Amino acid sequence: AVWQPQFWVYGTFRSALQSFDNDLGTGRSELVSRLDLFGNLQLSGSE
């Protein structure tokens, strides 16, 4: 096999301001965030 190592970092950041409520008064308001971060070590086209 011939490997040509390459390393890439990518991801997705999400931040949501959201509120919900119902007739029972058990809703919620929140500002929350999420980060999905990946490091990809590409060795070849298939590895």
ModelCIF file with pLDDT and N, C-alpha, C, O atoms, coordinates in Angstrom:
data_MODEL
#
_entry.id   MODEL 
#
_entity.id                         1 
_entity.type                       polymer 
_entity.pdbx_number_of_molecules   1 
#
_entity_poly.entity_id                      1 
_entity_poly.type                           'polypeptide(L)' 
_entity_poly.nstd_linkage                   no 
_entity_poly.nstd_monomer                   no 
_entity_poly.pdbx_seq_one_letter_code       AVWQPQFWVYGTFRSALQSFDNDLGTGRSELVSRLDLFGNLQLSGSE 
_entity_poly.pdbx_seq_one_letter_code_can   AVWQPQFWVYGTFRSALQSFDNDLGTGRSELVSRLDLFGNLQLSGSE 
_entity_poly.pdbx_strand_id                 A 
#
loop_
_entity_poly_seq.entity_id 
_entity_poly_seq.num 
_entity_poly_seq.mon_id 
_entity_poly_seq.hetero 
1 1  ALA n 
1 2  VAL n 
1 3  TRP n 
1 4  GLN n 
1 5  PRO n 
1 6  GLN n 
1 7  PHE n 
1 8  TRP n 
1 9  VAL n 
1 10 TYR n 
1 11 GLY n 
1 12 THR n 
1 13 PHE n 
1 14 ARG n 
1 15 SER n 
1 16 ALA n 
1 17 LEU n 
1 18 GLN n 
1 19 SER n 
1 20 PHE n 
1 21 ASP n 
1 22 ASN n 
1 23 ASP n 
1 24 LEU n 
1 25 GLY n 
1 26 THR n 
1 27 GLY n 
1 28 ARG n 
1 29 SER n 
1 30 GLU n 
1 31 LEU n 
1 32 VAL n 
1 33 SER n 
1 34 ARG n 
1 35 LEU n 
1 36 ASP n 
1 37 LEU n 
1 38 PHE n 
1 39 GLY n 
1 40 ASN n 
1 41 LEU n 
1 42 GLN n 
1 43 LEU n 
1 44 SER n 
1 45 GLY n 
1 46 SER n 
1 47 GLU n 
#
_struct_asym.id          A 
_struct_asym.entity_id   1 
#
loop_
_ma_qa_metric.id 
_ma_qa_metric.mode 
_ma_qa_metric.name 
_ma_qa_metric.software_group_id 
_ma_qa_metric.type 
1 global pLDDT . pLDDT 
2 local  pLDDT . pLDDT 
#
_ma_qa_metric_global.metric_id      1 
_ma_qa_metric_global.metric_value   91.66 
_ma_qa_metric_global.model_id       1 
_ma_qa_metric_global.ordinal_id     1 
#
loop_
_ma_qa_metric_local.label_asym_id 
_ma_qa_metric_local.label_comp_id 
_ma_qa_metric_local.label_seq_id 
_ma_qa_metric_local.metric_id 
_ma_qa_metric_local.metric_value 
_ma_qa_metric_local.model_id 
_ma_qa_metric_local.ordinal_id 
A ALA 1  2 86.00 1 1  
A VAL 2  2 88.00 1 2  
A TRP 3  2 90.00 1 3  
A GLN 4  2 90.00 1 4  
A PRO 5  2 93.00 1 5  
A GLN 6  2 92.00 1 6  
A PHE 7  2 95.00 1 7  
A TRP 8  2 94.00 1 8  
A VAL 9  2 96.00 1 9  
A TYR 10 2 95.00 1 10 
A GLY 11 2 96.00 1 11 
A THR 12 2 96.00 1 12 
A PHE 13 2 97.00 1 13 
A ARG 14 2 97.00 1 14 
A SER 15 2 97.00 1 15 
A ALA 16 2 97.00 1 16 
A LEU 17 2 97.00 1 17 
A GLN 18 2 96.00 1 18 
A SER 19 2 95.00 1 19 
A PHE 20 2 93.00 1 20 
A ASP 21 2 91.00 1 21 
A ASN 22 2 82.00 1 22 
A ASP 23 2 72.00 1 23 
A LEU 24 2 73.00 1 24 
A GLY 25 2 71.00 1 25 
A THR 26 2 74.00 1 26 
A GLY 27 2 80.00 1 27 
A ARG 28 2 86.00 1 28 
A SER 29 2 93.00 1 29 
A GLU 30 2 94.00 1 30 
A LEU 31 2 97.00 1 31 
A VAL 32 2 97.00 1 32 
A SER 33 2 97.00 1 33 
A ARG 34 2 97.00 1 34 
A LEU 35 2 97.00 1 35 
A ASP 36 2 97.00 1 36 
A LEU 37 2 97.00 1 37 
A PHE 38 2 97.00 1 38 
A GLY 39 2 97.00 1 39 
A ASN 40 2 96.00 1 40 
A LEU 41 2 96.00 1 41 
A GLN 42 2 93.00 1 42 
A LEU 43 2 93.00 1 43 
A SER 44 2 90.00 1 44 
A GLY 45 2 87.00 1 45 
A SER 46 2 90.00 1 46 
A GLU 47 2 94.00 1 47 
#
loop_
_atom_site.group_PDB 
_atom_site.id 
_atom_site.type_symbol 
_atom_site.label_atom_id 
_atom_site.label_alt_id 
_atom_site.label_comp_id 
_atom_site.label_asym_id 
_atom_site.label_entity_id 
_atom_site.label_seq_id 
_atom_site.pdbx_PDB_ins_code 
_atom_site.Cartn_x 
_atom_site.Cartn_y 
_atom_site.Cartn_z 
_atom_site.occupancy 
_atom_site.B_iso_or_equiv 
_atom_site.pdbx_formal_charge 
_atom_site.auth_seq_id 
_atom_site.auth_comp_id 
_atom_site.auth_asym_id 
_atom_site.auth_atom_id 
_atom_site.pdbx_PDB_model_num 
ATOM 1   N N  . ALA A 1 1  ? 0.842   -1.202 0.000  1.00 86.00 ? 1  ALA A N  1 
ATOM 2   C CA . ALA A 1 1  ? 0.000   0.000  0.000  1.00 86.00 ? 1  ALA A CA 1 
ATOM 3   C C  . ALA A 1 1  ? 0.874   1.248  0.000  1.00 86.00 ? 1  ALA A C  1 
ATOM 4   O O  . ALA A 1 1  ? 1.990   1.245  0.519  1.00 86.00 ? 1  ALA A O  1 
ATOM 5   N N  . VAL A 1 2  ? 0.350   2.300  -0.586 1.00 88.00 ? 2  VAL A N  1 
ATOM 6   C CA . VAL A 1 2  ? 1.012   3.601  -0.589 1.00 88.00 ? 2  VAL A CA 1 
ATOM 7   C C  . VAL A 1 2  ? 0.139   4.574  0.194  1.00 88.00 ? 2  VAL A C  1 
ATOM 8   O O  . VAL A 1 2  ? -1.004  4.839  -0.180 1.00 88.00 ? 2  VAL A O  1 
ATOM 9   N N  . TRP A 1 3  ? 0.684   5.096  1.274  1.00 90.00 ? 3  TRP A N  1 
ATOM 10  C CA . TRP A 1 3  ? -0.045  6.056  2.089  1.00 90.00 ? 3  TRP A CA 1 
ATOM 11  C C  . TRP A 1 3  ? 0.509   7.454  1.870  1.00 90.00 ? 3  TRP A C  1 
ATOM 12  O O  . TRP A 1 3  ? 1.722   7.658  1.812  1.00 90.00 ? 3  TRP A O  1 
ATOM 13  N N  . GLN A 1 4  ? -0.414  8.424  1.748  1.00 90.00 ? 4  GLN A N  1 
ATOM 14  C CA . GLN A 1 4  ? -0.061  9.838  1.625  1.00 90.00 ? 4  GLN A CA 1 
ATOM 15  C C  . GLN A 1 4  ? -0.760  10.583 2.762  1.00 90.00 ? 4  GLN A C  1 
ATOM 16  O O  . GLN A 1 4  ? -1.834  11.149 2.560  1.00 90.00 ? 4  GLN A O  1 
ATOM 17  N N  . PRO A 1 5  ? -0.159  10.588 3.955  1.00 93.00 ? 5  PRO A N  1 
ATOM 18  C CA . PRO A 1 5  ? -0.851  11.121 5.138  1.00 93.00 ? 5  PRO A CA 1 
ATOM 19  C C  . PRO A 1 5  ? -1.233  12.600 4.980  1.00 93.00 ? 5  PRO A C  1 
ATOM 20  O O  . PRO A 1 5  ? -0.429  13.426 4.549  1.00 93.00 ? 5  PRO A O  1 
ATOM 21  N N  . GLN A 1 6  ? -2.457  12.897 5.333  1.00 92.00 ? 6  GLN A N  1 
ATOM 22  C CA . GLN A 1 6  ? -2.973  14.261 5.368  1.00 92.00 ? 6  GLN A CA 1 
ATOM 23  C C  . GLN A 1 6  ? -3.898  14.365 6.579  1.00 92.00 ? 6  GLN A C  1 
ATOM 24  O O  . GLN A 1 6  ? -4.627  13.424 6.894  1.00 92.00 ? 6  GLN A O  1 
ATOM 25  N N  . PHE A 1 7  ? -3.864  15.493 7.240  1.00 95.00 ? 7  PHE A N  1 
ATOM 26  C CA . PHE A 1 7  ? -4.671  15.661 8.441  1.00 95.00 ? 7  PHE A CA 1 
ATOM 27  C C  . PHE A 1 7  ? -5.535  16.908 8.313  1.00 95.00 ? 7  PHE A C  1 
ATOM 28  O O  . PHE A 1 7  ? -5.038  18.001 8.041  1.00 95.00 ? 7  PHE A O  1 
ATOM 29  N N  . TRP A 1 8  ? -6.840  16.725 8.514  1.00 94.00 ? 8  TRP A N  1 
ATOM 30  C CA . TRP A 1 8  ? -7.790  17.829 8.409  1.00 94.00 ? 8  TRP A CA 1 
ATOM 31  C C  . TRP A 1 8  ? -8.618  17.898 9.689  1.00 94.00 ? 8  TRP A C  1 
ATOM 32  O O  . TRP A 1 8  ? -8.980  16.870 10.261 1.00 94.00 ? 8  TRP A O  1 
ATOM 33  N N  . VAL A 1 9  ? -8.907  19.096 10.124 1.00 96.00 ? 9  VAL A N  1 
ATOM 34  C CA . VAL A 1 9  ? -9.781  19.324 11.263 1.00 96.00 ? 9  VAL A CA 1 
ATOM 35  C C  . VAL A 1 9  ? -11.005 20.096 10.774 1.00 96.00 ? 9  VAL A C  1 
ATOM 36  O O  . VAL A 1 9  ? -10.873 21.115 10.096 1.00 96.00 ? 9  VAL A O  1 
ATOM 37  N N  . TYR A 1 10 ? -12.173 19.615 11.116 1.00 95.00 ? 10 TYR A N  1 
ATOM 38  C CA . TYR A 1 10 ? -13.409 20.260 10.696 1.00 95.00 ? 10 TYR A CA 1 
ATOM 39  C C  . TYR A 1 10 ? -14.479 19.986 11.752 1.00 95.00 ? 10 TYR A C  1 
ATOM 40  O O  . TYR A 1 10 ? -14.264 19.192 12.668 1.00 95.00 ? 10 TYR A O  1 
ATOM 41  N N  . GLY A 1 11 ? -15.610 20.634 11.622 1.00 96.00 ? 11 GLY A N  1 
ATOM 42  C CA . GLY A 1 11 ? -16.675 20.397 12.586 1.00 96.00 ? 11 GLY A CA 1 
ATOM 43  C C  . GLY A 1 11 ? -17.850 21.321 12.372 1.00 96.00 ? 11 GLY A C  1 
ATOM 44  O O  . GLY A 1 11 ? -17.929 22.041 11.376 1.00 96.00 ? 11 GLY A O  1 
ATOM 45  N N  . THR A 1 12 ? -18.771 21.286 13.338 1.00 96.00 ? 12 THR A N  1 
ATOM 46  C CA . THR A 1 12 ? -19.972 22.109 13.299 1.00 96.00 ? 12 THR A CA 1 
ATOM 47  C C  . THR A 1 12 ? -20.255 22.646 14.695 1.00 96.00 ? 12 THR A C  1 
ATOM 48  O O  . THR A 1 12 ? -20.302 21.893 15.668 1.00 96.00 ? 12 THR A O  1 
ATOM 49  N N  . PHE A 1 13 ? -20.443 23.969 14.778 1.00 97.00 ? 13 PHE A N  1 
ATOM 50  C CA . PHE A 1 13 ? -20.837 24.610 16.028 1.00 97.00 ? 13 PHE A CA 1 
ATOM 51  C C  . PHE A 1 13 ? -22.283 25.052 15.903 1.00 97.00 ? 13 PHE A C  1 
ATOM 52  O O  . PHE A 1 13 ? -22.669 25.681 14.918 1.00 97.00 ? 13 PHE A O  1 
ATOM 53  N N  . ARG A 1 14 ? -23.094 24.710 16.929 1.00 97.00 ? 14 ARG A N  1 
ATOM 54  C CA . ARG A 1 14 ? -24.502 25.094 16.958 1.00 97.00 ? 14 ARG A CA 1 
ATOM 55  C C  . ARG A 1 14 ? -24.808 25.796 18.270 1.00 97.00 ? 14 ARG A C  1 
ATOM 56  O O  . ARG A 1 14 ? -24.353 25.373 19.333 1.00 97.00 ? 14 ARG A O  1 
ATOM 57  N N  . SER A 1 15 ? -25.575 26.861 18.190 1.00 97.00 ? 15 SER A N  1 
ATOM 58  C CA . SER A 1 15 ? -26.038 27.551 19.386 1.00 97.00 ? 15 SER A CA 1 
ATOM 59  C C  . SER A 1 15 ? -27.500 27.908 19.174 1.00 97.00 ? 15 SER A C  1 
ATOM 60  O O  . SER A 1 15 ? -27.848 28.549 18.182 1.00 97.00 ? 15 SER A O  1 
ATOM 61  N N  . ALA A 1 16 ? -28.360 27.495 20.105 1.00 97.00 ? 16 ALA A N  1 
ATOM 62  C CA . ALA A 1 16 ? -29.808 27.627 19.915 1.00 97.00 ? 16 ALA A CA 1 
ATOM 63  C C  . ALA A 1 16 ? -30.427 28.372 21.086 1.00 97.00 ? 16 ALA A C  1 
ATOM 64  O O  . ALA A 1 16 ? -30.164 28.056 22.247 1.00 97.00 ? 16 ALA A O  1 
ATOM 65  N N  . LEU A 1 17 ? -31.247 29.358 20.773 1.00 97.00 ? 17 LEU A N  1 
ATOM 66  C CA . LEU A 1 17 ? -32.098 30.037 21.733 1.00 97.00 ? 17 LEU A CA 1 
ATOM 67  C C  . LEU A 1 17 ? -33.518 29.559 21.474 1.00 97.00 ? 17 LEU A C  1 
ATOM 68  O O  . LEU A 1 17 ? -34.075 29.818 20.407 1.00 97.00 ? 17 LEU A O  1 
ATOM 69  N N  . GLN A 1 18 ? -34.102 28.872 22.429 1.00 96.00 ? 18 GLN A N  1 
ATOM 70  C CA . GLN A 1 18 ? -35.381 28.221 22.174 1.00 96.00 ? 18 GLN A CA 1 
ATOM 71  C C  . GLN A 1 18 ? -36.260 28.226 23.421 1.00 96.00 ? 18 GLN A C  1 
ATOM 72  O O  . GLN A 1 18 ? -35.780 28.202 24.554 1.00 96.00 ? 18 GLN A O  1 
ATOM 73  N N  . SER A 1 19 ? -37.573 28.259 23.160 1.00 95.00 ? 19 SER A N  1 
ATOM 74  C CA . SER A 1 19 ? -38.537 28.313 24.250 1.00 95.00 ? 19 SER A CA 1 
ATOM 75  C C  . SER A 1 19 ? -39.789 27.554 23.842 1.00 95.00 ? 19 SER A C  1 
ATOM 76  O O  . SER A 1 19 ? -40.247 27.669 22.706 1.00 95.00 ? 19 SER A O  1 
ATOM 77  N N  . PHE A 1 20 ? -40.340 26.783 24.759 1.00 93.00 ? 20 PHE A N  1 
ATOM 78  C CA . PHE A 1 20 ? -41.596 26.082 24.505 1.00 93.00 ? 20 PHE A CA 1 
ATOM 79  C C  . PHE A 1 20 ? -42.425 26.075 25.770 1.00 93.00 ? 20 PHE A C  1 
ATOM 80  O O  . PHE A 1 20 ? -41.896 26.176 26.877 1.00 93.00 ? 20 PHE A O  1 
ATOM 81  N N  . ASP A 1 21 ? -43.728 25.956 25.596 1.00 91.00 ? 21 ASP A N  1 
ATOM 82  C CA . ASP A 1 21 ? -44.630 26.009 26.734 1.00 91.00 ? 21 ASP A CA 1 
ATOM 83  C C  . ASP A 1 21 ? -45.878 25.211 26.404 1.00 91.00 ? 21 ASP A C  1 
ATOM 84  O O  . ASP A 1 21 ? -46.152 24.936 25.237 1.00 91.00 ? 21 ASP A O  1 
ATOM 85  N N  . ASN A 1 22 ? -46.631 24.841 27.424 1.00 82.00 ? 22 ASN A N  1 
ATOM 86  C CA . ASN A 1 22 ? -47.902 24.155 27.239 1.00 82.00 ? 22 ASN A CA 1 
ATOM 87  C C  . ASN A 1 22 ? -48.878 24.607 28.314 1.00 82.00 ? 22 ASN A C  1 
ATOM 88  O O  . ASN A 1 22 ? -48.531 25.401 29.188 1.00 82.00 ? 22 ASN A O  1 
ATOM 89  N N  . ASP A 1 23 ? -50.091 24.100 28.244 1.00 72.00 ? 23 ASP A N  1 
ATOM 90  C CA . ASP A 1 23 ? -51.131 24.529 29.182 1.00 72.00 ? 23 ASP A CA 1 
ATOM 91  C C  . ASP A 1 23 ? -50.852 24.091 30.614 1.00 72.00 ? 23 ASP A C  1 
ATOM 92  O O  . ASP A 1 23 ? -51.481 24.586 31.549 1.00 72.00 ? 23 ASP A O  1 
ATOM 93  N N  . LEU A 1 24 ? -49.907 23.159 30.792 1.00 73.00 ? 24 LEU A N  1 
ATOM 94  C CA . LEU A 1 24 ? -49.569 22.691 32.132 1.00 73.00 ? 24 LEU A CA 1 
ATOM 95  C C  . LEU A 1 24 ? -48.489 23.544 32.775 1.00 73.00 ? 24 LEU A C  1 
ATOM 96  O O  . LEU A 1 24 ? -48.184 23.380 33.956 1.00 73.00 ? 24 LEU A O  1 
ATOM 97  N N  . GLY A 1 25 ? -47.903 24.463 31.994 1.00 71.00 ? 25 GLY A N  1 
ATOM 98  C CA . GLY A 1 25 ? -46.865 25.330 32.537 1.00 71.00 ? 25 GLY A CA 1 
ATOM 99  C C  . GLY A 1 25 ? -45.544 24.645 32.779 1.00 71.00 ? 25 GLY A C  1 
ATOM 100 O O  . GLY A 1 25 ? -44.776 25.075 33.640 1.00 71.00 ? 25 GLY A O  1 
ATOM 101 N N  . THR A 1 26 ? -45.260 23.589 32.041 1.00 74.00 ? 26 THR A N  1 
ATOM 102 C CA . THR A 1 26 ? -44.022 22.824 32.236 1.00 74.00 ? 26 THR A CA 1 
ATOM 103 C C  . THR A 1 26 ? -43.038 23.060 31.103 1.00 74.00 ? 26 THR A C  1 
ATOM 104 O O  . THR A 1 26 ? -42.241 22.176 30.788 1.00 74.00 ? 26 THR A O  1 
ATOM 105 N N  . GLY A 1 27 ? -43.077 24.221 30.491 1.00 80.00 ? 27 GLY A N  1 
ATOM 106 C CA . GLY A 1 27 ? -42.167 24.520 29.394 1.00 80.00 ? 27 GLY A CA 1 
ATOM 107 C C  . GLY A 1 27 ? -40.796 24.939 29.888 1.00 80.00 ? 27 GLY A C  1 
ATOM 108 O O  . GLY A 1 27 ? -40.481 24.834 31.074 1.00 80.00 ? 27 GLY A O  1 
ATOM 109 N N  . ARG A 1 28 ? -39.994 25.414 28.959 1.00 86.00 ? 28 ARG A N  1 
ATOM 110 C CA . ARG A 1 28 ? -38.625 25.787 29.288 1.00 86.00 ? 28 ARG A CA 1 
ATOM 111 C C  . ARG A 1 28 ? -38.127 26.773 28.252 1.00 86.00 ? 28 ARG A C  1 
ATOM 112 O O  . ARG A 1 28 ? -38.494 26.710 27.079 1.00 86.00 ? 28 ARG A O  1 
ATOM 113 N N  . SER A 1 29 ? -37.270 27.698 28.714 1.00 93.00 ? 29 SER A N  1 
ATOM 114 C CA . SER A 1 29 ? -36.530 28.587 27.829 1.00 93.00 ? 29 SER A CA 1 
ATOM 115 C C  . SER A 1 29 ? -35.041 28.356 28.085 1.00 93.00 ? 29 SER A C  1 
ATOM 116 O O  . SER A 1 29 ? -34.625 28.196 29.232 1.00 93.00 ? 29 SER A O  1 
ATOM 117 N N  . GLU A 1 30 ? -34.237 28.337 27.014 1.00 94.00 ? 30 GLU A N  1 
ATOM 118 C CA . GLU A 1 30 ? -32.834 27.996 27.183 1.00 94.00 ? 30 GLU A CA 1 
ATOM 119 C C  . GLU A 1 30 ? -31.992 28.567 26.054 1.00 94.00 ? 30 GLU A C  1 
ATOM 120 O O  . GLU A 1 30 ? -32.476 28.809 24.949 1.00 94.00 ? 30 GLU A O  1 
ATOM 121 N N  . LEU A 1 31 ? -30.729 28.774 26.360 1.00 97.00 ? 31 LEU A N  1 
ATOM 122 C CA . LEU A 1 31 ? -29.706 29.108 25.370 1.00 97.00 ? 31 LEU A CA 1 
ATOM 123 C C  . LEU A 1 31 ? -28.611 28.079 25.532 1.00 97.00 ? 31 LEU A C  1 
ATOM 124 O O  . LEU A 1 31 ? -27.874 28.113 26.517 1.00 97.00 ? 31 LEU A O  1 
ATOM 125 N N  . VAL A 1 32 ? -28.489 27.171 24.594 1.00 97.00 ? 32 VAL A N  1 
ATOM 126 C CA . VAL A 1 32 ? -27.556 26.044 24.715 1.00 97.00 ? 32 VAL A CA 1 
ATOM 127 C C  . VAL A 1 32 ? -26.702 25.952 23.458 1.00 97.00 ? 32 VAL A C  1 
ATOM 128 O O  . VAL A 1 32 ? -27.065 26.460 22.397 1.00 97.00 ? 32 VAL A O  1 
ATOM 129 N N  . SER A 1 33 ? -25.559 25.292 23.605 1.00 97.00 ? 33 SER A N  1 
ATOM 130 C CA . SER A 1 33 ? -24.618 25.179 22.489 1.00 97.00 ? 33 SER A CA 1 
ATOM 131 C C  . SER A 1 33 ? -24.123 23.750 22.359 1.00 97.00 ? 33 SER A C  1 
ATOM 132 O O  . SER A 1 33 ? -24.151 22.959 23.301 1.00 97.00 ? 33 SER A O  1 
ATOM 133 N N  . ARG A 1 34 ? -23.669 23.455 21.150 1.00 97.00 ? 34 ARG A N  1 
ATOM 134 C CA . ARG A 1 34 ? -23.135 22.129 20.835 1.00 97.00 ? 34 ARG A CA 1 
ATOM 135 C C  . ARG A 1 34 ? -21.989 22.295 19.841 1.00 97.00 ? 34 ARG A C  1 
ATOM 136 O O  . ARG A 1 34 ? -22.080 23.097 18.912 1.00 97.00 ? 34 ARG A O  1 
ATOM 137 N N  . LEU A 1 35 ? -20.930 21.549 20.035 1.00 97.00 ? 35 LEU A N  1 
ATOM 138 C CA . LEU A 1 35 ? -19.784 21.556 19.126 1.00 97.00 ? 35 LEU A CA 1 
ATOM 139 C C  . LEU A 1 35 ? -19.406 20.129 18.787 1.00 97.00 ? 35 LEU A C  1 
ATOM 140 O O  . LEU A 1 35 ? -19.070 19.344 19.672 1.00 97.00 ? 35 LEU A O  1 
ATOM 141 N N  . ASP A 1 36 ? -19.459 19.794 17.518 1.00 97.00 ? 36 ASP A N  1 
ATOM 142 C CA . ASP A 1 36 ? -18.974 18.508 17.014 1.00 97.00 ? 36 ASP A CA 1 
ATOM 143 C C  . ASP A 1 36 ? -17.677 18.785 16.261 1.00 97.00 ? 36 ASP A C  1 
ATOM 144 O O  . ASP A 1 36 ? -17.695 19.412 15.201 1.00 97.00 ? 36 ASP A O  1 
ATOM 145 N N  . LEU A 1 37 ? -16.558 18.322 16.803 1.00 97.00 ? 37 LEU A N  1 
ATOM 146 C CA . LEU A 1 37 ? -15.241 18.609 16.249 1.00 97.00 ? 37 LEU A CA 1 
ATOM 147 C C  . LEU A 1 37 ? -14.544 17.306 15.888 1.00 97.00 ? 37 LEU A C  1 
ATOM 148 O O  . LEU A 1 37 ? -14.498 16.373 16.690 1.00 97.00 ? 37 LEU A O  1 
ATOM 149 N N  . PHE A 1 38 ? -13.994 17.246 14.655 1.00 97.00 ? 38 PHE A N  1 
ATOM 150 C CA . PHE A 1 38 ? -13.382 16.023 14.158 1.00 97.00 ? 38 PHE A CA 1 
ATOM 151 C C  . PHE A 1 38 ? -11.981 16.292 13.630 1.00 97.00 ? 38 PHE A C  1 
ATOM 152 O O  . PHE A 1 38 ? -11.699 17.342 13.052 1.00 97.00 ? 38 PHE A O  1 
ATOM 153 N N  . GLY A 1 39 ? -11.112 15.309 13.849 1.00 97.00 ? 39 GLY A N  1 
ATOM 154 C CA . GLY A 1 39 ? -9.793  15.291 13.226 1.00 97.00 ? 39 GLY A CA 1 
ATOM 155 C C  . GLY A 1 39 ? -9.695  14.071 12.337 1.00 97.00 ? 39 GLY A C  1 
ATOM 156 O O  . GLY A 1 39 ? -9.857  12.944 12.805 1.00 97.00 ? 39 GLY A O  1 
ATOM 157 N N  . ASN A 1 40 ? -9.429  14.286 11.050 1.00 96.00 ? 40 ASN A N  1 
ATOM 158 C CA . ASN A 1 40 ? -9.416  13.208 10.067 1.00 96.00 ? 40 ASN A CA 1 
ATOM 159 C C  . ASN A 1 40 ? -7.987  13.008 9.553  1.00 96.00 ? 40 ASN A C  1 
ATOM 160 O O  . ASN A 1 40 ? -7.444  13.865 8.855  1.00 96.00 ? 40 ASN A O  1 
ATOM 161 N N  . LEU A 1 41 ? -7.393  11.881 9.900  1.00 96.00 ? 41 LEU A N  1 
ATOM 162 C CA . LEU A 1 41 ? -6.083  11.513 9.375  1.00 96.00 ? 41 LEU A CA 1 
ATOM 163 C C  . LEU A 1 41 ? -6.305  10.632 8.154  1.00 96.00 ? 41 LEU A C  1 
ATOM 164 O O  . LEU A 1 41 ? -6.562  9.435  8.281  1.00 96.00 ? 41 LEU A O  1 
ATOM 165 N N  . GLN A 1 42 ? -6.203  11.230 6.969  1.00 93.00 ? 42 GLN A N  1 
ATOM 166 C CA . GLN A 1 42 ? -6.426  10.506 5.723  1.00 93.00 ? 42 GLN A CA 1 
ATOM 167 C C  . GLN A 1 42 ? -5.119  9.873  5.281  1.00 93.00 ? 42 GLN A C  1 
ATOM 168 O O  . GLN A 1 42 ? -4.152  10.579 4.996  1.00 93.00 ? 42 GLN A O  1 
ATOM 169 N N  . LEU A 1 43 ? -5.081  8.555  5.223  1.00 93.00 ? 43 LEU A N  1 
ATOM 170 C CA . LEU A 1 43 ? -3.866  7.835  4.866  1.00 93.00 ? 43 LEU A CA 1 
ATOM 171 C C  . LEU A 1 43 ? -3.819  7.496  3.396  1.00 93.00 ? 43 LEU A C  1 
ATOM 172 O O  . LEU A 1 43 ? -2.747  7.490  2.793  1.00 93.00 ? 43 LEU A O  1 
ATOM 173 N N  . SER A 1 44 ? -4.971  7.212  2.812  1.00 90.00 ? 44 SER A N  1 
ATOM 174 C CA . SER A 1 44 ? -5.082  6.929  1.383  1.00 90.00 ? 44 SER A CA 1 
ATOM 175 C C  . SER A 1 44 ? -6.529  7.177  0.988  1.00 90.00 ? 44 SER A C  1 
ATOM 176 O O  . SER A 1 44 ? -7.318  7.699  1.776  1.00 90.00 ? 44 SER A O  1 
ATOM 177 N N  . GLY A 1 45 ? -6.867  6.803  -0.228 1.00 87.00 ? 45 GLY A N  1 
ATOM 178 C CA . GLY A 1 45 ? -8.242  6.987  -0.658 1.00 87.00 ? 45 GLY A CA 1 
ATOM 179 C C  . GLY A 1 45 ? -9.232  6.111  0.073  1.00 87.00 ? 45 GLY A C  1 
ATOM 180 O O  . GLY A 1 45 ? -10.429 6.398  0.066  1.00 87.00 ? 45 GLY A O  1 
ATOM 181 N N  . SER A 1 46 ? -8.758  5.040  0.709  1.00 90.00 ? 46 SER A N  1 
ATOM 182 C CA . SER A 1 46 ? -9.673  4.114  1.381  1.00 90.00 ? 46 SER A CA 1 
ATOM 183 C C  . SER A 1 46 ? -9.365  3.905  2.856  1.00 90.00 ? 46 SER A C  1 
ATOM 184 O O  . SER A 1 46 ? -10.161 3.279  3.556  1.00 90.00 ? 46 SER A O  1 
ATOM 185 N N  . GLU A 1 47 ? -8.242  4.404  3.351  1.00 94.00 ? 47 GLU A N  1 
ATOM 186 C CA . GLU A 1 47 ? -7.884  4.219  4.757  1.00 94.00 ? 47 GLU A CA 1 
ATOM 187 C C  . GLU A 1 47 ? -7.821  5.573  5.461  1.00 94.00 ? 47 GLU A C  1 
ATOM 188 O O  . GLU A 1 47 ? -7.534  5.634  6.657  1.00 94.00 ? 47 GLU A O  1 
#
